[in-house]
């Protein structure tokens, strides 16, 4: 399975540098930013997706639009944030989809 998502994102290696506009990126990992947005350089809290956009990695705040595909490219679900077909990061996704854990 491959997951793609778009939304407000900051460069993983340069927090504060925002990705603009918000193109789709493949979800490649998950990062837990904790419960206090003052304790990390991103200023965000909670479990976030790490997306790859043209070989660079970004931390995605909230997925605004998502698409899930099979490994051979068949789209099986897509949707705007909050719809029944949207994807949201969860800890189980790391194992289920082979995502790596990124440490802040």
N, C-alpha and C. Protein backbone atom coordinates (compact mmCIF):
# COMPACT_ATOMS: atom_id res chain seq x y z
N UNK A 1 0.83 -1.18 0.00
CA UNK A 1 0.00 0.00 0.00
C UNK A 1 0.87 1.24 0.00
N UNK A 2 0.39 2.23 -0.67
CA UNK A 2 1.05 3.54 -0.68
C UNK A 2 0.03 4.58 -0.27
N UNK A 3 0.46 5.50 0.57
CA UNK A 3 -0.41 6.58 1.03
C UNK A 3 0.20 7.89 0.56
N UNK A 4 -0.63 8.75 0.00
CA UNK A 4 -0.22 10.08 -0.42
C UNK A 4 -1.08 11.09 0.33
N UNK A 5 -0.48 12.23 0.69
CA UNK A 5 -1.22 13.24 1.43
C UNK A 5 -0.69 14.63 1.08
N UNK A 6 -1.55 15.61 1.28
CA UNK A 6 -1.15 17.00 1.09
C UNK A 6 -1.70 17.83 2.24
N UNK A 7 -1.11 18.99 2.44
CA UNK A 7 -1.52 19.90 3.49
C UNK A 7 -0.34 20.75 3.91
N UNK A 8 -0.53 21.53 4.98
CA UNK A 8 0.55 22.38 5.48
C UNK A 8 1.68 21.50 5.99
N UNK A 9 2.90 21.78 5.53
CA UNK A 9 4.04 20.94 5.89
C UNK A 9 5.29 21.78 6.07
N UNK A 10 6.14 21.35 7.01
CA UNK A 10 7.43 21.98 7.25
C UNK A 10 8.55 21.00 6.91
N UNK A 11 9.65 21.54 6.41
CA UNK A 11 10.80 20.71 6.05
C UNK A 11 11.29 19.98 7.29
N UNK A 12 11.49 18.65 7.17
CA UNK A 12 11.92 17.84 8.30
C UNK A 12 13.25 18.32 8.88
N UNK A 13 14.19 18.69 8.03
CA UNK A 13 15.52 19.09 8.48
C UNK A 13 15.66 20.59 8.67
N UNK A 14 14.57 21.36 8.44
CA UNK A 14 14.62 22.81 8.62
C UNK A 14 13.24 23.29 9.10
N UNK A 15 12.89 22.95 10.36
CA UNK A 15 11.59 23.39 10.88
C UNK A 15 11.43 24.90 10.73
N UNK A 16 10.23 25.31 10.37
CA UNK A 16 9.95 26.71 10.10
C UNK A 16 9.98 27.03 8.62
N UNK A 17 10.59 26.14 7.83
CA UNK A 17 10.59 26.28 6.37
C UNK A 17 9.39 25.50 5.84
N UNK A 18 8.38 26.22 5.38
CA UNK A 18 7.14 25.60 4.94
C UNK A 18 7.17 25.23 3.47
N UNK A 19 6.51 24.14 3.15
CA UNK A 19 6.35 23.69 1.77
C UNK A 19 5.19 24.46 1.16
N UNK A 20 5.44 25.13 0.06
CA UNK A 20 4.37 25.90 -0.59
C UNK A 20 4.55 25.80 -2.08
N UNK A 21 3.51 25.61 -2.85
CA UNK A 21 2.16 25.23 -2.41
C UNK A 21 2.16 23.85 -1.78
N UNK A 22 1.01 23.30 -1.53
CA UNK A 22 0.90 22.01 -0.83
C UNK A 22 0.70 20.85 -1.80
N UNK A 23 1.79 20.38 -2.46
CA UNK A 23 1.63 19.25 -3.38
C UNK A 23 1.50 17.93 -2.62
N UNK A 24 1.06 16.92 -3.32
CA UNK A 24 0.99 15.58 -2.74
C UNK A 24 2.39 15.06 -2.49
N UNK A 25 2.54 14.34 -1.40
CA UNK A 25 3.77 13.64 -1.11
C UNK A 25 3.44 12.24 -0.64
N UNK A 26 4.34 11.31 -0.88
CA UNK A 26 4.12 9.94 -0.40
C UNK A 26 4.47 9.88 1.08
N UNK A 27 3.58 9.30 1.87
CA UNK A 27 3.84 9.14 3.30
C UNK A 27 4.91 8.07 3.47
N UNK A 28 6.03 8.46 4.10
CA UNK A 28 7.16 7.54 4.27
C UNK A 28 7.46 7.26 5.74
N UNK A 29 6.85 8.02 6.63
CA UNK A 29 7.13 7.81 8.05
C UNK A 29 6.15 8.53 8.93
N UNK A 30 6.34 8.33 10.23
CA UNK A 30 5.54 8.98 11.26
C UNK A 30 6.47 9.59 12.28
N UNK A 31 6.07 10.74 12.83
CA UNK A 31 6.85 11.41 13.86
C UNK A 31 5.90 11.83 14.98
N UNK A 32 6.28 11.54 16.21
CA UNK A 32 5.47 11.92 17.37
C UNK A 32 6.07 13.19 17.96
N UNK A 33 5.33 14.29 17.89
CA UNK A 33 5.83 15.57 18.37
C UNK A 33 5.41 15.86 19.81
N UNK A 34 4.83 14.87 20.47
CA UNK A 34 4.50 15.01 21.88
C UNK A 34 3.25 15.83 22.14
N UNK A 35 3.09 16.22 23.41
CA UNK A 35 1.87 16.91 23.84
C UNK A 35 2.06 18.41 24.05
N UNK A 36 3.26 18.91 23.84
CA UNK A 36 3.53 20.32 24.10
C UNK A 36 4.22 20.92 22.89
N UNK A 37 3.52 21.80 22.19
CA UNK A 37 4.09 22.36 20.96
C UNK A 37 5.31 23.26 21.22
N UNK A 38 5.55 23.62 22.48
CA UNK A 38 6.74 24.40 22.80
C UNK A 38 7.98 23.54 22.98
N UNK A 39 7.80 22.20 22.93
CA UNK A 39 8.93 21.28 23.16
C UNK A 39 9.56 20.78 21.88
N UNK A 40 9.14 21.31 20.73
CA UNK A 40 9.77 20.89 19.48
C UNK A 40 9.86 22.10 18.55
N UNK A 41 10.72 22.02 17.57
CA UNK A 41 10.97 23.14 16.66
C UNK A 41 9.84 23.37 15.66
N UNK A 42 8.95 22.40 15.51
CA UNK A 42 7.86 22.54 14.55
C UNK A 42 6.70 23.36 15.11
N UNK A 43 6.56 23.39 16.44
CA UNK A 43 5.45 24.11 17.05
C UNK A 43 4.13 23.38 16.93
N UNK A 44 4.18 22.10 16.66
CA UNK A 44 2.98 21.28 16.53
C UNK A 44 3.00 20.17 17.57
N UNK A 45 1.87 19.54 17.81
CA UNK A 45 1.79 18.43 18.74
C UNK A 45 1.18 17.21 18.07
N UNK A 46 1.39 16.05 18.69
CA UNK A 46 0.74 14.83 18.25
C UNK A 46 1.51 14.05 17.21
N UNK A 47 0.89 12.99 16.74
CA UNK A 47 1.48 12.12 15.73
C UNK A 47 1.25 12.73 14.35
N UNK A 48 2.32 12.90 13.60
CA UNK A 48 2.26 13.53 12.27
C UNK A 48 2.86 12.60 11.23
N UNK A 49 2.43 12.79 10.00
CA UNK A 49 2.98 12.04 8.88
C UNK A 49 4.22 12.76 8.36
N UNK A 50 5.19 11.98 7.89
CA UNK A 50 6.36 12.51 7.17
C UNK A 50 6.15 12.14 5.71
N UNK A 51 6.17 13.15 4.84
CA UNK A 51 5.94 12.90 3.41
C UNK A 51 7.20 13.21 2.62
N UNK A 52 7.35 12.49 1.51
CA UNK A 52 8.45 12.71 0.57
C UNK A 52 7.89 13.45 -0.63
N UNK A 53 8.47 14.61 -0.91
CA UNK A 53 8.10 15.41 -2.08
C UNK A 53 9.37 15.65 -2.87
N UNK A 54 9.49 15.03 -4.00
CA UNK A 54 10.66 15.19 -4.88
C UNK A 54 11.98 14.93 -4.15
N UNK A 55 12.00 13.89 -3.31
CA UNK A 55 13.22 13.49 -2.63
C UNK A 55 13.51 14.24 -1.34
N UNK A 56 12.68 15.18 -0.97
CA UNK A 56 12.86 15.90 0.29
C UNK A 56 11.72 15.52 1.23
N UNK A 57 12.01 15.49 2.53
CA UNK A 57 11.01 15.06 3.50
C UNK A 57 10.46 16.23 4.30
N UNK A 58 9.15 16.17 4.51
CA UNK A 58 8.43 17.23 5.20
C UNK A 58 7.51 16.62 6.25
N UNK A 59 7.30 17.36 7.35
CA UNK A 59 6.36 16.94 8.38
C UNK A 59 5.02 17.60 8.06
N UNK A 60 3.99 16.78 7.93
CA UNK A 60 2.66 17.24 7.55
C UNK A 60 1.82 17.47 8.80
N UNK A 61 1.29 18.68 8.96
CA UNK A 61 0.50 18.99 10.16
C UNK A 61 -0.80 18.21 10.15
N UNK A 62 -1.72 18.55 9.28
CA UNK A 62 -2.99 17.84 9.15
C UNK A 62 -3.19 17.47 7.68
N UNK A 63 -3.42 16.21 7.36
CA UNK A 63 -3.69 15.85 5.97
C UNK A 63 -4.97 16.52 5.48
N UNK A 64 -4.85 17.38 4.47
CA UNK A 64 -6.03 18.04 3.91
C UNK A 64 -6.70 17.18 2.86
N UNK A 65 -5.91 16.41 2.14
CA UNK A 65 -6.44 15.49 1.13
C UNK A 65 -5.53 14.28 1.12
N UNK A 66 -6.09 13.09 1.03
CA UNK A 66 -5.30 11.87 1.03
C UNK A 66 -5.75 10.93 -0.08
N UNK A 67 -4.82 10.05 -0.46
CA UNK A 67 -5.11 9.03 -1.48
C UNK A 67 -4.36 7.77 -1.07
N UNK A 68 -5.03 6.64 -1.10
CA UNK A 68 -4.41 5.35 -0.78
C UNK A 68 -4.46 4.50 -2.03
N UNK A 69 -3.32 3.88 -2.37
CA UNK A 69 -3.22 3.04 -3.57
C UNK A 69 -2.65 1.68 -3.21
N UNK A 70 -2.94 0.72 -4.05
CA UNK A 70 -2.26 -0.57 -3.96
C UNK A 70 -0.84 -0.38 -4.49
N UNK A 71 0.03 -1.35 -4.28
CA UNK A 71 1.41 -1.24 -4.74
C UNK A 71 1.52 -1.13 -6.26
N UNK A 72 0.51 -1.58 -6.98
CA UNK A 72 0.56 -1.46 -8.44
C UNK A 72 -0.19 -0.24 -8.96
N UNK A 73 -0.52 0.72 -8.05
CA UNK A 73 -1.06 2.00 -8.48
C UNK A 73 -2.56 2.11 -8.60
N UNK A 74 -3.30 1.12 -8.15
CA UNK A 74 -4.76 1.20 -8.21
C UNK A 74 -5.27 1.97 -7.00
N UNK A 75 -5.97 3.08 -7.26
CA UNK A 75 -6.49 3.90 -6.18
C UNK A 75 -7.65 3.19 -5.50
N UNK A 76 -7.56 3.07 -4.18
CA UNK A 76 -8.65 2.39 -3.47
C UNK A 76 -9.43 3.33 -2.57
N UNK A 77 -8.88 4.47 -2.23
CA UNK A 77 -9.61 5.44 -1.43
C UNK A 77 -8.95 6.80 -1.54
N UNK A 78 -9.77 7.84 -1.57
CA UNK A 78 -9.24 9.20 -1.53
C UNK A 78 -10.33 10.08 -0.95
N UNK A 79 -9.91 11.16 -0.34
CA UNK A 79 -10.90 12.06 0.21
C UNK A 79 -10.30 13.25 0.90
N UNK A 80 -11.16 14.27 1.09
CA UNK A 80 -10.79 15.45 1.84
C UNK A 80 -10.74 15.10 3.32
N UNK A 81 -10.02 15.90 4.09
CA UNK A 81 -9.91 15.68 5.53
C UNK A 81 -11.30 15.56 6.15
N UNK A 82 -11.46 14.58 7.01
CA UNK A 82 -12.71 14.40 7.73
C UNK A 82 -13.74 13.55 7.03
N UNK A 83 -13.52 13.19 5.77
CA UNK A 83 -14.49 12.35 5.08
C UNK A 83 -14.20 10.89 5.40
N UNK A 84 -15.13 10.04 5.13
CA UNK A 84 -15.01 8.62 5.45
C UNK A 84 -13.83 7.97 4.72
N UNK A 85 -13.45 8.52 3.58
CA UNK A 85 -12.36 7.93 2.80
C UNK A 85 -11.00 8.55 3.07
N UNK A 86 -10.94 9.50 3.99
CA UNK A 86 -9.65 10.14 4.26
C UNK A 86 -8.79 9.26 5.16
N UNK A 87 -7.49 9.52 5.14
CA UNK A 87 -6.54 8.79 5.97
C UNK A 87 -6.02 9.72 7.04
N UNK A 88 -5.78 9.19 8.22
CA UNK A 88 -5.21 9.95 9.33
C UNK A 88 -4.12 9.09 9.97
N UNK A 89 -2.98 9.67 10.33
CA UNK A 89 -1.90 8.86 10.89
C UNK A 89 -2.27 8.17 12.20
N UNK A 90 -1.87 6.93 12.32
CA UNK A 90 -2.03 6.19 13.58
C UNK A 90 -0.78 5.34 13.79
N UNK A 91 -0.51 5.00 15.01
CA UNK A 91 0.70 4.24 15.34
C UNK A 91 0.75 2.89 14.62
N UNK A 92 -0.40 2.28 14.40
CA UNK A 92 -0.45 0.98 13.74
C UNK A 92 0.00 1.06 12.28
N UNK A 93 -0.05 2.24 11.69
CA UNK A 93 0.33 2.40 10.29
C UNK A 93 1.79 2.11 10.04
N UNK A 94 2.64 2.33 11.04
CA UNK A 94 4.07 2.08 10.85
C UNK A 94 4.31 0.65 10.42
N UNK A 95 3.72 -0.27 11.13
CA UNK A 95 3.90 -1.68 10.78
C UNK A 95 3.04 -2.07 9.58
N UNK A 96 1.80 -1.64 9.57
CA UNK A 96 0.87 -2.02 8.52
C UNK A 96 1.34 -1.62 7.13
N UNK A 97 1.91 -0.39 7.01
CA UNK A 97 2.31 0.12 5.70
C UNK A 97 3.82 0.23 5.54
N UNK A 98 4.58 -0.28 6.49
CA UNK A 98 6.03 -0.25 6.38
C UNK A 98 6.61 1.15 6.48
N UNK A 99 6.00 2.00 7.31
CA UNK A 99 6.50 3.36 7.49
C UNK A 99 7.57 3.37 8.58
N UNK A 100 8.52 4.24 8.43
CA UNK A 100 9.56 4.31 9.45
C UNK A 100 9.16 5.33 10.52
N UNK A 101 9.74 5.17 11.69
CA UNK A 101 9.51 6.10 12.79
C UNK A 101 10.63 7.13 12.77
N UNK A 102 10.24 8.40 12.75
CA UNK A 102 11.20 9.50 12.75
C UNK A 102 11.19 10.12 14.14
N UNK A 103 12.35 10.42 14.69
CA UNK A 103 12.43 10.99 16.02
C UNK A 103 12.71 12.47 15.94
N UNK A 104 11.95 13.24 16.73
CA UNK A 104 12.10 14.71 16.73
C UNK A 104 13.28 15.11 17.60
